[in-house]
Amino acid sequence: MSSTLLEVTRSAHEEVERLERLVVKDLQKEPATARESLFQNHRVRHMIDSIFSTTEKLVEIYEDKDSARKDEIAALGGQTASGQNVFSAFYDRLKEIREYHRRHPVARVLDPAGDLEELLKEEPVIEFSGEEAFGRYLDLHELYNEFVNSKFAKVVEYSAYLDIFPQTHDIPRDLKLTRQYKDYLTHMLEYLISFFQRTEPLQDLNRIFSKVCL
């Protein structure tokens, strides 16, 4: 990898800039419907995640813990870190760089206009149940079944459960100490986090949790 490390670095910087342009371009468009708005938010979320991932790789390259980047830069000047002349290996290096681009065609310069238009038409796959109606409603049926079949709750209709499910203070303390109740709360939290991430992909959940914990 060291023989093409600078090409990897250049390609990564180019990819970050391309994704930044995509984010700006996408957010400049005003979605016509709630569905289109959700698609847009997920597209932007995916691009932001890709930017973070690529940036982390760049940080690793610049940290240069194995001195691979330092050696390659030295080689471009005609020397390795040990001072050995490497001009005789020029054509070998050129061949390796060409081979890198052959194996990684995405690293080549793309047509910005065409690339933008194609990516901005994508409709991300977002999984919702029928009851969730593409993010409009919660689907608490699994939690409801767990609730009514537990030892810490009473049997109620689903419509009544929708009103009482956040009211955990009504459950006696001794029942809250049971494994069954802890599992129920864990499943509830997992579902609510999943629903929030699917419907509000641009929100910073860690920041929200940090405020709640203060």
N, C-alpha and C. Protein backbone atom coordinates (compact mmCIF):
# COMPACT_ATOMS: atom_id res chain seq x y z
N MET A 1 0.83 -1.21 0.00
CA MET A 1 0.00 0.00 0.00
C MET A 1 0.86 1.26 0.00
N SER A 2 2.07 1.18 0.59
CA SER A 2 2.88 2.39 0.74
C SER A 2 3.23 3.01 -0.60
N SER A 3 3.37 2.17 -1.68
CA SER A 3 3.77 2.71 -2.98
C SER A 3 2.69 3.57 -3.60
N THR A 4 1.47 3.47 -3.12
CA THR A 4 0.38 4.28 -3.65
C THR A 4 -0.28 5.11 -2.55
N LEU A 5 0.41 5.29 -1.46
CA LEU A 5 -0.19 5.98 -0.31
C LEU A 5 -0.59 7.41 -0.63
N LEU A 6 0.22 8.13 -1.39
CA LEU A 6 -0.11 9.50 -1.75
C LEU A 6 -1.32 9.55 -2.67
N GLU A 7 -1.46 8.54 -3.52
CA GLU A 7 -2.64 8.46 -4.38
C GLU A 7 -3.89 8.20 -3.55
N VAL A 8 -3.76 7.34 -2.54
CA VAL A 8 -4.88 7.09 -1.63
C VAL A 8 -5.27 8.37 -0.91
N THR A 9 -4.27 9.13 -0.47
CA THR A 9 -4.52 10.39 0.24
C THR A 9 -5.22 11.39 -0.67
N ARG A 10 -4.71 11.54 -1.87
CA ARG A 10 -5.32 12.48 -2.83
C ARG A 10 -6.76 12.08 -3.12
N SER A 11 -6.96 10.79 -3.34
CA SER A 11 -8.30 10.29 -3.65
C SER A 11 -9.26 10.52 -2.49
N ALA A 12 -8.78 10.32 -1.25
CA ALA A 12 -9.63 10.51 -0.07
C ALA A 12 -10.04 11.97 0.09
N HIS A 13 -9.09 12.89 -0.10
CA HIS A 13 -9.42 14.31 -0.03
C HIS A 13 -10.45 14.69 -1.10
N GLU A 14 -10.26 14.14 -2.27
CA GLU A 14 -11.19 14.41 -3.36
C GLU A 14 -12.59 13.89 -3.04
N GLU A 15 -12.64 12.70 -2.42
CA GLU A 15 -13.92 12.11 -2.06
C GLU A 15 -14.64 12.94 -1.01
N VAL A 16 -13.91 13.44 -0.01
CA VAL A 16 -14.51 14.28 1.02
C VAL A 16 -15.09 15.55 0.41
N GLU A 17 -14.34 16.20 -0.47
CA GLU A 17 -14.82 17.42 -1.13
C GLU A 17 -16.05 17.14 -1.99
N ARG A 18 -16.04 16.00 -2.68
CA ARG A 18 -17.17 15.63 -3.52
C ARG A 18 -18.43 15.42 -2.66
N LEU A 19 -18.27 14.73 -1.53
CA LEU A 19 -19.41 14.48 -0.65
C LEU A 19 -19.92 15.77 -0.03
N GLU A 20 -19.02 16.68 0.31
CA GLU A 20 -19.44 17.98 0.87
C GLU A 20 -20.28 18.74 -0.15
N ARG A 21 -19.87 18.71 -1.41
CA ARG A 21 -20.65 19.37 -2.45
C ARG A 21 -22.02 18.72 -2.61
N LEU A 22 -22.04 17.41 -2.48
CA LEU A 22 -23.30 16.68 -2.59
C LEU A 22 -24.27 17.07 -1.46
N VAL A 23 -23.73 17.17 -0.24
CA VAL A 23 -24.57 17.54 0.90
C VAL A 23 -25.19 18.92 0.68
N VAL A 24 -24.38 19.88 0.26
CA VAL A 24 -24.87 21.24 0.01
C VAL A 24 -25.91 21.23 -1.09
N LYS A 25 -25.62 20.53 -2.18
CA LYS A 25 -26.54 20.46 -3.32
C LYS A 25 -27.88 19.87 -2.92
N ASP A 26 -27.83 18.79 -2.13
CA ASP A 26 -29.07 18.13 -1.71
C ASP A 26 -29.90 19.01 -0.79
N LEU A 27 -29.24 19.66 0.16
CA LEU A 27 -29.98 20.48 1.13
C LEU A 27 -30.51 21.78 0.52
N GLN A 28 -30.02 22.14 -0.65
CA GLN A 28 -30.55 23.32 -1.33
C GLN A 28 -31.92 23.05 -1.94
N LYS A 29 -32.25 21.78 -2.11
CA LYS A 29 -33.54 21.40 -2.67
C LYS A 29 -34.59 21.34 -1.57
N GLU A 30 -35.76 21.89 -1.83
CA GLU A 30 -36.86 21.87 -0.87
C GLU A 30 -37.76 20.67 -1.18
N PRO A 31 -37.80 19.65 -0.32
CA PRO A 31 -38.63 18.47 -0.59
C PRO A 31 -40.11 18.85 -0.69
N ALA A 32 -40.82 18.20 -1.60
CA ALA A 32 -42.24 18.51 -1.81
C ALA A 32 -43.14 17.77 -0.82
N THR A 33 -42.67 16.65 -0.31
CA THR A 33 -43.48 15.84 0.60
C THR A 33 -42.65 15.39 1.80
N ALA A 34 -43.34 14.89 2.83
CA ALA A 34 -42.65 14.38 4.01
C ALA A 34 -41.80 13.16 3.64
N ARG A 35 -42.28 12.37 2.70
CA ARG A 35 -41.53 11.20 2.25
C ARG A 35 -40.21 11.61 1.59
N GLU A 36 -40.28 12.60 0.70
CA GLU A 36 -39.08 13.09 0.03
C GLU A 36 -38.12 13.73 1.04
N SER A 37 -38.67 14.39 2.05
CA SER A 37 -37.83 15.00 3.08
C SER A 37 -37.06 13.93 3.85
N LEU A 38 -37.73 12.81 4.15
CA LEU A 38 -37.08 11.72 4.86
C LEU A 38 -35.99 11.09 4.00
N PHE A 39 -36.27 10.90 2.71
CA PHE A 39 -35.26 10.38 1.79
C PHE A 39 -34.04 11.31 1.78
N GLN A 40 -34.30 12.61 1.71
CA GLN A 40 -33.21 13.58 1.67
C GLN A 40 -32.36 13.50 2.93
N ASN A 41 -33.02 13.44 4.08
CA ASN A 41 -32.29 13.39 5.35
C ASN A 41 -31.42 12.14 5.45
N HIS A 42 -31.93 11.02 4.95
CA HIS A 42 -31.14 9.79 5.00
C HIS A 42 -29.98 9.84 4.01
N ARG A 43 -30.19 10.44 2.84
CA ARG A 43 -29.08 10.59 1.90
C ARG A 43 -27.96 11.41 2.52
N VAL A 44 -28.35 12.52 3.13
CA VAL A 44 -27.36 13.40 3.76
C VAL A 44 -26.67 12.68 4.92
N ARG A 45 -27.43 11.93 5.72
CA ARG A 45 -26.83 11.17 6.82
C ARG A 45 -25.78 10.19 6.32
N HIS A 46 -26.10 9.48 5.24
CA HIS A 46 -25.15 8.52 4.68
C HIS A 46 -23.89 9.22 4.18
N MET A 47 -24.07 10.39 3.58
CA MET A 47 -22.91 11.12 3.08
C MET A 47 -22.05 11.64 4.23
N ILE A 48 -22.68 12.12 5.28
CA ILE A 48 -21.93 12.59 6.45
C ILE A 48 -21.15 11.44 7.08
N ASP A 49 -21.78 10.26 7.18
CA ASP A 49 -21.09 9.09 7.72
C ASP A 49 -19.88 8.73 6.85
N SER A 50 -20.04 8.84 5.53
CA SER A 50 -18.93 8.54 4.62
C SER A 50 -17.80 9.56 4.79
N ILE A 51 -18.16 10.81 5.01
CA ILE A 51 -17.15 11.85 5.24
C ILE A 51 -16.35 11.54 6.51
N PHE A 52 -17.06 11.17 7.58
CA PHE A 52 -16.38 10.83 8.83
C PHE A 52 -15.45 9.63 8.64
N SER A 53 -15.94 8.60 7.94
CA SER A 53 -15.16 7.40 7.73
C SER A 53 -13.89 7.69 6.92
N THR A 54 -14.05 8.46 5.85
CA THR A 54 -12.90 8.81 5.01
C THR A 54 -11.92 9.70 5.76
N THR A 55 -12.44 10.62 6.56
CA THR A 55 -11.58 11.51 7.33
C THR A 55 -10.76 10.73 8.36
N GLU A 56 -11.37 9.73 8.97
CA GLU A 56 -10.65 8.90 9.94
C GLU A 56 -9.48 8.18 9.27
N LYS A 57 -9.69 7.72 8.03
CA LYS A 57 -8.61 7.07 7.29
C LYS A 57 -7.49 8.07 6.99
N LEU A 58 -7.87 9.31 6.65
CA LEU A 58 -6.87 10.34 6.40
C LEU A 58 -6.05 10.65 7.65
N VAL A 59 -6.72 10.69 8.78
CA VAL A 59 -6.01 10.95 10.04
C VAL A 59 -4.97 9.86 10.29
N GLU A 60 -5.34 8.61 10.04
CA GLU A 60 -4.40 7.50 10.21
C GLU A 60 -3.20 7.65 9.28
N ILE A 61 -3.47 8.07 8.04
CA ILE A 61 -2.37 8.25 7.08
C ILE A 61 -1.42 9.34 7.55
N TYR A 62 -1.98 10.48 7.99
CA TYR A 62 -1.14 11.61 8.41
C TYR A 62 -0.42 11.34 9.72
N GLU A 63 -0.99 10.49 10.57
CA GLU A 63 -0.27 10.11 11.79
C GLU A 63 0.98 9.30 11.44
N ASP A 64 0.91 8.57 10.36
CA ASP A 64 2.08 7.89 9.77
C ASP A 64 2.86 7.07 10.80
N LYS A 65 2.16 6.23 11.53
CA LYS A 65 2.81 5.46 12.60
C LYS A 65 3.85 4.48 12.08
N ASP A 66 3.66 4.00 10.85
CA ASP A 66 4.63 3.06 10.29
C ASP A 66 5.65 3.74 9.36
N SER A 67 5.59 5.09 9.31
CA SER A 67 6.51 5.89 8.48
C SER A 67 6.38 5.61 6.98
N ALA A 68 5.28 5.00 6.58
CA ALA A 68 5.09 4.68 5.15
C ALA A 68 4.96 5.94 4.32
N ARG A 69 4.24 6.94 4.85
CA ARG A 69 4.07 8.19 4.11
C ARG A 69 5.41 8.93 4.00
N LYS A 70 6.16 8.93 5.09
CA LYS A 70 7.46 9.60 5.09
C LYS A 70 8.39 8.96 4.06
N ASP A 71 8.39 7.63 3.99
CA ASP A 71 9.24 6.92 3.03
C ASP A 71 8.83 7.23 1.60
N GLU A 72 7.53 7.30 1.36
CA GLU A 72 7.07 7.55 -0.01
C GLU A 72 7.42 8.97 -0.46
N ILE A 73 7.27 9.93 0.44
CA ILE A 73 7.63 11.31 0.10
C ILE A 73 9.13 11.41 -0.16
N ALA A 74 9.92 10.71 0.66
CA ALA A 74 11.36 10.70 0.45
C ALA A 74 11.70 10.07 -0.89
N ALA A 75 10.97 9.03 -1.26
CA ALA A 75 11.22 8.34 -2.52
C ALA A 75 10.94 9.25 -3.70
N LEU A 76 9.96 10.13 -3.57
CA LEU A 76 9.65 11.07 -4.65
C LEU A 76 10.81 12.04 -4.87
N GLY A 77 11.59 12.26 -3.82
CA GLY A 77 12.75 13.13 -3.95
C GLY A 77 14.00 12.38 -4.37
N GLY A 78 13.86 11.08 -4.61
CA GLY A 78 14.99 10.30 -5.08
C GLY A 78 15.70 9.52 -4.02
N GLN A 79 15.16 9.53 -2.80
CA GLN A 79 15.81 8.81 -1.71
C GLN A 79 14.78 8.14 -0.83
N THR A 80 15.17 7.06 -0.20
CA THR A 80 14.37 6.47 0.86
C THR A 80 14.80 7.11 2.16
N ALA A 81 14.12 6.76 3.24
CA ALA A 81 14.48 7.34 4.54
C ALA A 81 15.92 6.99 4.92
N SER A 82 16.43 5.89 4.39
CA SER A 82 17.81 5.49 4.71
C SER A 82 18.83 6.14 3.80
N GLY A 83 18.36 6.90 2.78
CA GLY A 83 19.28 7.59 1.90
C GLY A 83 19.59 6.85 0.62
N GLN A 84 19.01 5.67 0.41
CA GLN A 84 19.27 4.89 -0.79
C GLN A 84 18.61 5.52 -2.01
N ASN A 85 19.33 5.58 -3.14
CA ASN A 85 18.79 6.13 -4.38
C ASN A 85 17.75 5.17 -4.95
N VAL A 86 16.59 5.70 -5.35
CA VAL A 86 15.52 4.84 -5.85
C VAL A 86 15.06 5.25 -7.24
N PHE A 87 15.81 6.09 -7.96
CA PHE A 87 15.40 6.48 -9.30
C PHE A 87 15.30 5.27 -10.23
N SER A 88 16.10 4.26 -9.95
CA SER A 88 16.06 3.06 -10.80
C SER A 88 14.73 2.34 -10.70
N ALA A 89 13.98 2.62 -9.63
CA ALA A 89 12.68 1.95 -9.45
C ALA A 89 11.52 2.81 -9.94
N PHE A 90 11.82 3.89 -10.67
CA PHE A 90 10.78 4.83 -11.08
C PHE A 90 9.67 4.15 -11.88
N TYR A 91 10.06 3.37 -12.88
CA TYR A 91 9.06 2.76 -13.74
C TYR A 91 8.27 1.67 -13.01
N ASP A 92 8.89 1.05 -12.03
CA ASP A 92 8.15 0.09 -11.21
C ASP A 92 7.06 0.79 -10.41
N ARG A 93 7.43 1.95 -9.89
CA ARG A 93 6.44 2.73 -9.12
C ARG A 93 5.31 3.22 -10.01
N LEU A 94 5.66 3.67 -11.22
CA LEU A 94 4.65 4.15 -12.16
C LEU A 94 3.69 3.02 -12.51
N LYS A 95 4.23 1.83 -12.68
CA LYS A 95 3.40 0.67 -12.98
C LYS A 95 2.45 0.36 -11.82
N GLU A 96 2.96 0.47 -10.58
CA GLU A 96 2.14 0.22 -9.41
C GLU A 96 1.01 1.23 -9.28
N ILE A 97 1.29 2.49 -9.59
CA ILE A 97 0.26 3.53 -9.51
C ILE A 97 -0.82 3.29 -10.57
N ARG A 98 -0.38 2.92 -11.76
CA ARG A 98 -1.36 2.61 -12.81
C ARG A 98 -2.22 1.41 -12.43
N GLU A 99 -1.58 0.42 -11.80
CA GLU A 99 -2.32 -0.76 -11.36
C GLU A 99 -3.33 -0.40 -10.28
N TYR A 100 -2.94 0.53 -9.39
CA TYR A 100 -3.86 0.99 -8.34
C TYR A 100 -5.12 1.59 -8.95
N HIS A 101 -4.94 2.46 -9.96
CA HIS A 101 -6.09 3.10 -10.58
C HIS A 101 -6.92 2.11 -11.39
N ARG A 102 -6.27 1.07 -11.90
CA ARG A 102 -7.03 0.06 -12.62
C ARG A 102 -7.92 -0.73 -11.65
N ARG A 103 -7.40 -1.02 -10.46
CA ARG A 103 -8.15 -1.78 -9.47
C ARG A 103 -9.13 -0.92 -8.68
N HIS A 104 -8.92 0.42 -8.67
CA HIS A 104 -9.81 1.33 -7.94
C HIS A 104 -10.27 2.44 -8.87
N PRO A 105 -11.14 2.10 -9.83
CA PRO A 105 -11.58 3.12 -10.79
C PRO A 105 -12.35 4.26 -10.16
N VAL A 106 -12.94 4.04 -8.95
CA VAL A 106 -13.69 5.10 -8.30
C VAL A 106 -12.78 6.26 -7.91
N ALA A 107 -11.49 6.00 -7.82
CA ALA A 107 -10.55 7.04 -7.43
C ALA A 107 -10.28 8.02 -8.56
N ARG A 108 -10.71 7.68 -9.77
CA ARG A 108 -10.51 8.58 -10.89
C ARG A 108 -11.45 9.78 -10.79
N VAL A 109 -11.11 10.83 -11.49
CA VAL A 109 -11.94 12.03 -11.49
C VAL A 109 -13.25 11.73 -12.20
N LEU A 110 -14.35 12.00 -11.55
CA LEU A 110 -15.67 11.73 -12.11
C LEU A 110 -16.28 13.00 -12.66
N ASP A 111 -17.28 12.83 -13.47
CA ASP A 111 -18.02 13.97 -13.99
C ASP A 111 -18.88 14.54 -12.87
N PRO A 112 -18.55 15.70 -12.32
CA PRO A 112 -19.27 16.22 -11.16
C PRO A 112 -20.77 16.37 -11.39
N ALA A 113 -21.15 16.92 -12.53
CA ALA A 113 -22.57 17.18 -12.79
C ALA A 113 -23.36 15.88 -12.86
N GLY A 114 -22.86 14.92 -13.67
CA GLY A 114 -23.56 13.65 -13.82
C GLY A 114 -23.61 12.88 -12.52
N ASP A 115 -22.50 12.89 -11.79
CA ASP A 115 -22.40 12.17 -10.53
C ASP A 115 -23.39 12.73 -9.52
N LEU A 116 -23.49 14.04 -9.44
CA LEU A 116 -24.41 14.69 -8.51
C LEU A 116 -25.85 14.30 -8.82
N GLU A 117 -26.24 14.42 -10.07
CA GLU A 117 -27.63 14.18 -10.44
C GLU A 117 -28.06 12.76 -10.13
N GLU A 118 -27.18 11.79 -10.37
CA GLU A 118 -27.53 10.39 -10.12
C GLU A 118 -27.69 10.12 -8.64
N LEU A 119 -26.74 10.60 -7.85
CA LEU A 119 -26.79 10.34 -6.41
C LEU A 119 -27.96 11.04 -5.73
N LEU A 120 -28.32 12.21 -6.21
CA LEU A 120 -29.41 12.97 -5.59
C LEU A 120 -30.77 12.44 -5.96
N LYS A 121 -30.82 11.46 -6.85
CA LYS A 121 -32.09 10.83 -7.22
C LYS A 121 -32.33 9.55 -6.42
N GLU A 122 -31.32 9.13 -5.66
CA GLU A 122 -31.45 7.88 -4.91
C GLU A 122 -32.51 7.98 -3.82
N GLU A 123 -33.25 6.88 -3.63
CA GLU A 123 -34.23 6.78 -2.57
C GLU A 123 -33.74 5.71 -1.59
N PRO A 124 -33.14 6.12 -0.49
CA PRO A 124 -32.59 5.14 0.47
C PRO A 124 -33.66 4.18 0.97
N VAL A 125 -33.26 2.95 1.24
CA VAL A 125 -34.18 1.95 1.79
C VAL A 125 -34.32 2.20 3.29
N ILE A 126 -35.54 2.51 3.71
CA ILE A 126 -35.82 2.76 5.12
C ILE A 126 -36.92 1.80 5.54
N GLU A 127 -36.63 0.94 6.47
CA GLU A 127 -37.58 -0.10 6.85
C GLU A 127 -38.56 0.40 7.91
N PHE A 128 -39.84 0.37 7.54
CA PHE A 128 -40.93 0.68 8.47
C PHE A 128 -41.98 -0.42 8.38
N SER A 129 -42.64 -0.68 9.49
CA SER A 129 -43.76 -1.62 9.46
C SER A 129 -44.98 -0.91 8.91
N GLY A 130 -46.02 -1.69 8.59
CA GLY A 130 -47.24 -1.07 8.08
C GLY A 130 -47.85 -0.12 9.08
N GLU A 131 -47.80 -0.49 10.35
CA GLU A 131 -48.38 0.35 11.40
C GLU A 131 -47.61 1.67 11.58
N GLU A 132 -46.33 1.66 11.24
CA GLU A 132 -45.53 2.88 11.40
C GLU A 132 -45.81 3.90 10.30
N ALA A 133 -46.43 3.44 9.20
CA ALA A 133 -46.85 4.35 8.13
C ALA A 133 -45.73 5.28 7.70
N PHE A 134 -44.58 4.70 7.38
CA PHE A 134 -43.40 5.43 6.93
C PHE A 134 -42.98 6.52 7.92
N GLY A 135 -43.02 6.16 9.20
CA GLY A 135 -42.50 7.05 10.22
C GLY A 135 -43.50 7.99 10.85
N ARG A 136 -44.77 7.84 10.50
CA ARG A 136 -45.78 8.75 11.07
C ARG A 136 -46.24 8.31 12.46
N TYR A 137 -46.21 6.99 12.72
CA TYR A 137 -46.71 6.48 13.99
C TYR A 137 -45.75 5.44 14.58
N LEU A 138 -45.84 5.28 15.90
CA LEU A 138 -45.12 4.21 16.57
C LEU A 138 -45.86 2.89 16.39
N ASP A 139 -45.12 1.81 16.31
CA ASP A 139 -45.71 0.48 16.28
C ASP A 139 -45.27 -0.24 17.56
N LEU A 140 -46.17 -0.23 18.55
CA LEU A 140 -45.81 -0.77 19.87
C LEU A 140 -46.42 -2.15 20.13
N HIS A 141 -46.81 -2.84 19.10
CA HIS A 141 -47.49 -4.12 19.29
C HIS A 141 -46.62 -5.16 20.00
N GLU A 142 -45.35 -5.24 19.64
CA GLU A 142 -44.47 -6.21 20.31
C GLU A 142 -44.27 -5.86 21.77
N LEU A 143 -44.11 -4.57 22.05
CA LEU A 143 -43.96 -4.14 23.45
C LEU A 143 -45.26 -4.36 24.22
N TYR A 144 -46.37 -4.15 23.55
CA TYR A 144 -47.68 -4.37 24.18
C TYR A 144 -47.84 -5.83 24.59
N ASN A 145 -47.50 -6.74 23.68
CA ASN A 145 -47.61 -8.17 24.00
C ASN A 145 -46.70 -8.56 25.15
N GLU A 146 -45.51 -7.98 25.17
CA GLU A 146 -44.58 -8.25 26.27
C GLU A 146 -45.14 -7.70 27.59
N PHE A 147 -45.78 -6.55 27.50
CA PHE A 147 -46.35 -5.89 28.68
C PHE A 147 -47.49 -6.71 29.29
N VAL A 148 -48.47 -7.08 28.47
CA VAL A 148 -49.66 -7.76 29.00
C VAL A 148 -49.37 -9.19 29.43
N ASN A 149 -48.27 -9.76 28.95
CA ASN A 149 -47.90 -11.13 29.35
C ASN A 149 -46.88 -11.15 30.48
N SER A 150 -46.64 -10.00 31.08
CA SER A 150 -45.67 -9.91 32.16
C SER A 150 -46.34 -10.03 33.52
N LYS A 151 -45.50 -10.14 34.54
CA LYS A 151 -46.00 -10.21 35.91
C LYS A 151 -46.07 -8.84 36.58
N PHE A 152 -45.54 -7.83 35.90
CA PHE A 152 -45.51 -6.51 36.53
C PHE A 152 -46.61 -5.58 36.00
N ALA A 153 -47.45 -6.08 35.10
CA ALA A 153 -48.47 -5.20 34.51
C ALA A 153 -49.83 -5.88 34.52
N LYS A 154 -50.82 -5.08 34.24
CA LYS A 154 -52.18 -5.60 34.14
C LYS A 154 -52.58 -5.68 32.67
N VAL A 155 -53.57 -6.50 32.39
CA VAL A 155 -54.04 -6.67 31.01
C VAL A 155 -54.92 -5.49 30.63
N VAL A 156 -54.55 -4.83 29.55
CA VAL A 156 -55.32 -3.68 29.05
C VAL A 156 -55.42 -3.80 27.53
N GLU A 157 -56.32 -3.04 26.95
CA GLU A 157 -56.43 -3.00 25.49
C GLU A 157 -55.24 -2.23 24.92
N TYR A 158 -54.96 -2.49 23.66
CA TYR A 158 -53.81 -1.83 23.01
C TYR A 158 -53.97 -0.31 23.03
N SER A 159 -55.19 0.16 22.79
CA SER A 159 -55.43 1.61 22.79
C SER A 159 -55.13 2.23 24.15
N ALA A 160 -55.43 1.49 25.23
CA ALA A 160 -55.13 1.99 26.57
C ALA A 160 -53.63 1.95 26.84
N TYR A 161 -52.97 0.94 26.32
CA TYR A 161 -51.52 0.81 26.50
C TYR A 161 -50.78 1.99 25.89
N LEU A 162 -51.27 2.49 24.77
CA LEU A 162 -50.63 3.64 24.13
C LEU A 162 -50.59 4.85 25.07
N ASP A 163 -51.57 4.94 25.96
CA ASP A 163 -51.61 6.07 26.89
C ASP A 163 -50.73 5.84 28.12
N ILE A 164 -50.60 4.58 28.53
CA ILE A 164 -49.93 4.33 29.80
C ILE A 164 -48.48 3.84 29.65
N PHE A 165 -48.05 3.48 28.43
CA PHE A 165 -46.73 2.86 28.33
C PHE A 165 -45.58 3.75 28.83
N PRO A 166 -45.69 5.10 28.74
CA PRO A 166 -44.57 5.90 29.29
C PRO A 166 -44.67 6.11 30.81
N GLN A 167 -45.78 5.68 31.41
CA GLN A 167 -46.00 5.96 32.83
C GLN A 167 -45.44 4.84 33.71
N THR A 168 -44.13 4.73 33.70
CA THR A 168 -43.48 3.65 34.46
C THR A 168 -43.55 3.86 35.97
N HIS A 169 -43.87 5.07 36.38
CA HIS A 169 -43.92 5.35 37.83
C HIS A 169 -45.08 4.62 38.50
N ASP A 170 -46.05 4.12 37.72
CA ASP A 170 -47.19 3.41 38.30
C ASP A 170 -46.87 1.96 38.67
N ILE A 171 -45.74 1.47 38.23
CA ILE A 171 -45.36 0.09 38.51
C ILE A 171 -44.64 0.02 39.85
N PRO A 172 -45.04 -0.89 40.73
CA PRO A 172 -44.42 -1.00 42.07
C PRO A 172 -42.91 -1.21 41.98
N ARG A 173 -42.18 -0.67 42.94
CA ARG A 173 -40.72 -0.71 42.92
C ARG A 173 -40.17 -2.13 42.93
N ASP A 174 -40.80 -3.02 43.72
CA ASP A 174 -40.28 -4.38 43.81
C ASP A 174 -40.37 -5.10 42.46
N LEU A 175 -41.39 -4.77 41.66
CA LEU A 175 -41.53 -5.40 40.35
C LEU A 175 -40.53 -4.81 39.34
N LYS A 176 -40.13 -3.57 39.59
CA LYS A 176 -39.15 -2.94 38.72
C LYS A 176 -37.76 -3.57 38.87
N LEU A 177 -37.56 -4.28 39.95
CA LEU A 177 -36.26 -4.90 40.19
C LEU A 177 -36.12 -6.27 39.53
N THR A 178 -37.19 -6.74 38.90
CA THR A 178 -37.16 -8.05 38.28
C THR A 178 -36.46 -8.00 36.93
N ARG A 179 -35.92 -9.15 36.50
CA ARG A 179 -35.25 -9.25 35.20
C ARG A 179 -36.25 -9.02 34.06
N GLN A 180 -37.47 -9.48 34.26
CA GLN A 180 -38.49 -9.33 33.23
C GLN A 180 -38.76 -7.85 32.94
N TYR A 181 -38.83 -7.04 33.99
CA TYR A 181 -39.10 -5.62 33.79
C TYR A 181 -37.90 -4.92 33.14
N LYS A 182 -36.69 -5.29 33.55
CA LYS A 182 -35.49 -4.69 32.95
C LYS A 182 -35.40 -5.02 31.46
N ASP A 183 -35.75 -6.26 31.10
CA ASP A 183 -35.74 -6.65 29.69
C ASP A 183 -36.78 -5.86 28.91
N TYR A 184 -37.92 -5.65 29.51
CA TYR A 184 -39.00 -4.88 28.87
C TYR A 184 -38.53 -3.45 28.59
N LEU A 185 -37.90 -2.82 29.59
CA LEU A 185 -37.40 -1.46 29.40
C LEU A 185 -36.31 -1.40 28.34
N THR A 186 -35.45 -2.41 28.32
CA THR A 186 -34.39 -2.47 27.31
C THR A 186 -34.98 -2.54 25.91
N HIS A 187 -35.98 -3.38 25.73
CA HIS A 187 -36.63 -3.52 24.42
C HIS A 187 -37.34 -2.23 24.03
N MET A 188 -37.95 -1.57 25.01
CA MET A 188 -38.62 -0.30 24.72
C MET A 188 -37.62 0.74 24.24
N LEU A 189 -36.47 0.84 24.97
CA LEU A 189 -35.45 1.82 24.60
C LEU A 189 -34.88 1.52 23.22
N GLU A 190 -34.61 0.25 22.95
CA GLU A 190 -34.07 -0.14 21.65
C GLU A 190 -35.02 0.25 20.52
N TYR A 191 -36.31 0.02 20.73
CA TYR A 191 -37.28 0.36 19.68
C TYR A 191 -37.38 1.87 19.47
N LEU A 192 -37.46 2.62 20.57
CA LEU A 192 -37.60 4.07 20.44
C LEU A 192 -36.36 4.70 19.79
N ILE A 193 -35.18 4.17 20.11
CA ILE A 193 -33.95 4.66 19.47
C ILE A 193 -33.98 4.35 17.98
N SER A 194 -34.38 3.12 17.66
CA SER A 194 -34.45 2.72 16.25
C SER A 194 -35.43 3.60 15.48
N PHE A 195 -36.59 3.86 16.07
CA PHE A 195 -37.60 4.68 15.40
C PHE A 195 -37.09 6.11 15.21
N PHE A 196 -36.44 6.63 16.24
CA PHE A 196 -35.91 7.99 16.16
C PHE A 196 -34.83 8.10 15.07
N GLN A 197 -33.95 7.12 15.01
CA GLN A 197 -32.88 7.15 14.01
C GLN A 197 -33.43 7.03 12.59
N ARG A 198 -34.53 6.30 12.44
CA ARG A 198 -35.13 6.15 11.12
C ARG A 198 -35.92 7.39 10.69
N THR A 199 -36.47 8.10 11.66
CA THR A 199 -37.30 9.27 11.32
C THR A 199 -36.56 10.59 11.43
N GLU A 200 -35.48 10.62 12.22
CA GLU A 200 -34.70 11.84 12.41
C GLU A 200 -33.21 11.56 12.24
N PRO A 201 -32.79 11.12 11.05
CA PRO A 201 -31.40 10.68 10.87
C PRO A 201 -30.34 11.77 11.04
N LEU A 202 -30.74 13.04 10.97
CA LEU A 202 -29.75 14.12 11.10
C LEU A 202 -29.60 14.62 12.54
N GLN A 203 -30.41 14.09 13.43
CA GLN A 203 -30.30 14.49 14.83
C GLN A 203 -29.13 13.79 15.51
N ASP A 204 -28.49 14.47 16.44
CA ASP A 204 -27.37 13.90 17.19
C ASP A 204 -27.93 13.27 18.46
N LEU A 205 -28.11 11.95 18.42
CA LEU A 205 -28.72 11.25 19.55
C LEU A 205 -27.84 11.31 20.79
N ASN A 206 -26.53 11.25 20.62
CA ASN A 206 -25.62 11.32 21.77
C ASN A 206 -25.75 12.66 22.50
N ARG A 207 -25.91 13.73 21.73
CA ARG A 207 -26.07 15.05 22.35
C ARG A 207 -27.39 15.13 23.12
N ILE A 208 -28.43 14.54 22.56
CA ILE A 208 -29.73 14.53 23.24
C ILE A 208 -29.63 13.75 24.55
N PHE A 209 -28.98 12.59 24.50
CA PHE A 209 -28.82 11.79 25.72
C PHE A 209 -27.99 12.52 26.76
N SER A 210 -26.98 13.25 26.31
CA SER A 210 -26.13 13.96 27.26
C SER A 210 -26.91 15.03 28.00
N LYS A 211 -27.87 15.66 27.33
CA LYS A 211 -28.71 16.67 27.98
C LYS A 211 -29.66 16.03 28.99
N VAL A 212 -30.16 14.84 28.64
CA VAL A 212 -31.08 14.14 29.52
C VAL A 212 -30.38 13.71 30.81
N CYS A 213 -29.10 13.34 30.66
CA CYS A 213 -28.34 12.83 31.81
C CYS A 213 -27.83 13.93 32.73
N LEU A 214 -27.91 15.19 32.29
CA LEU A 214 -27.41 16.28 33.12
C LEU A 214 -28.30 16.51 34.34
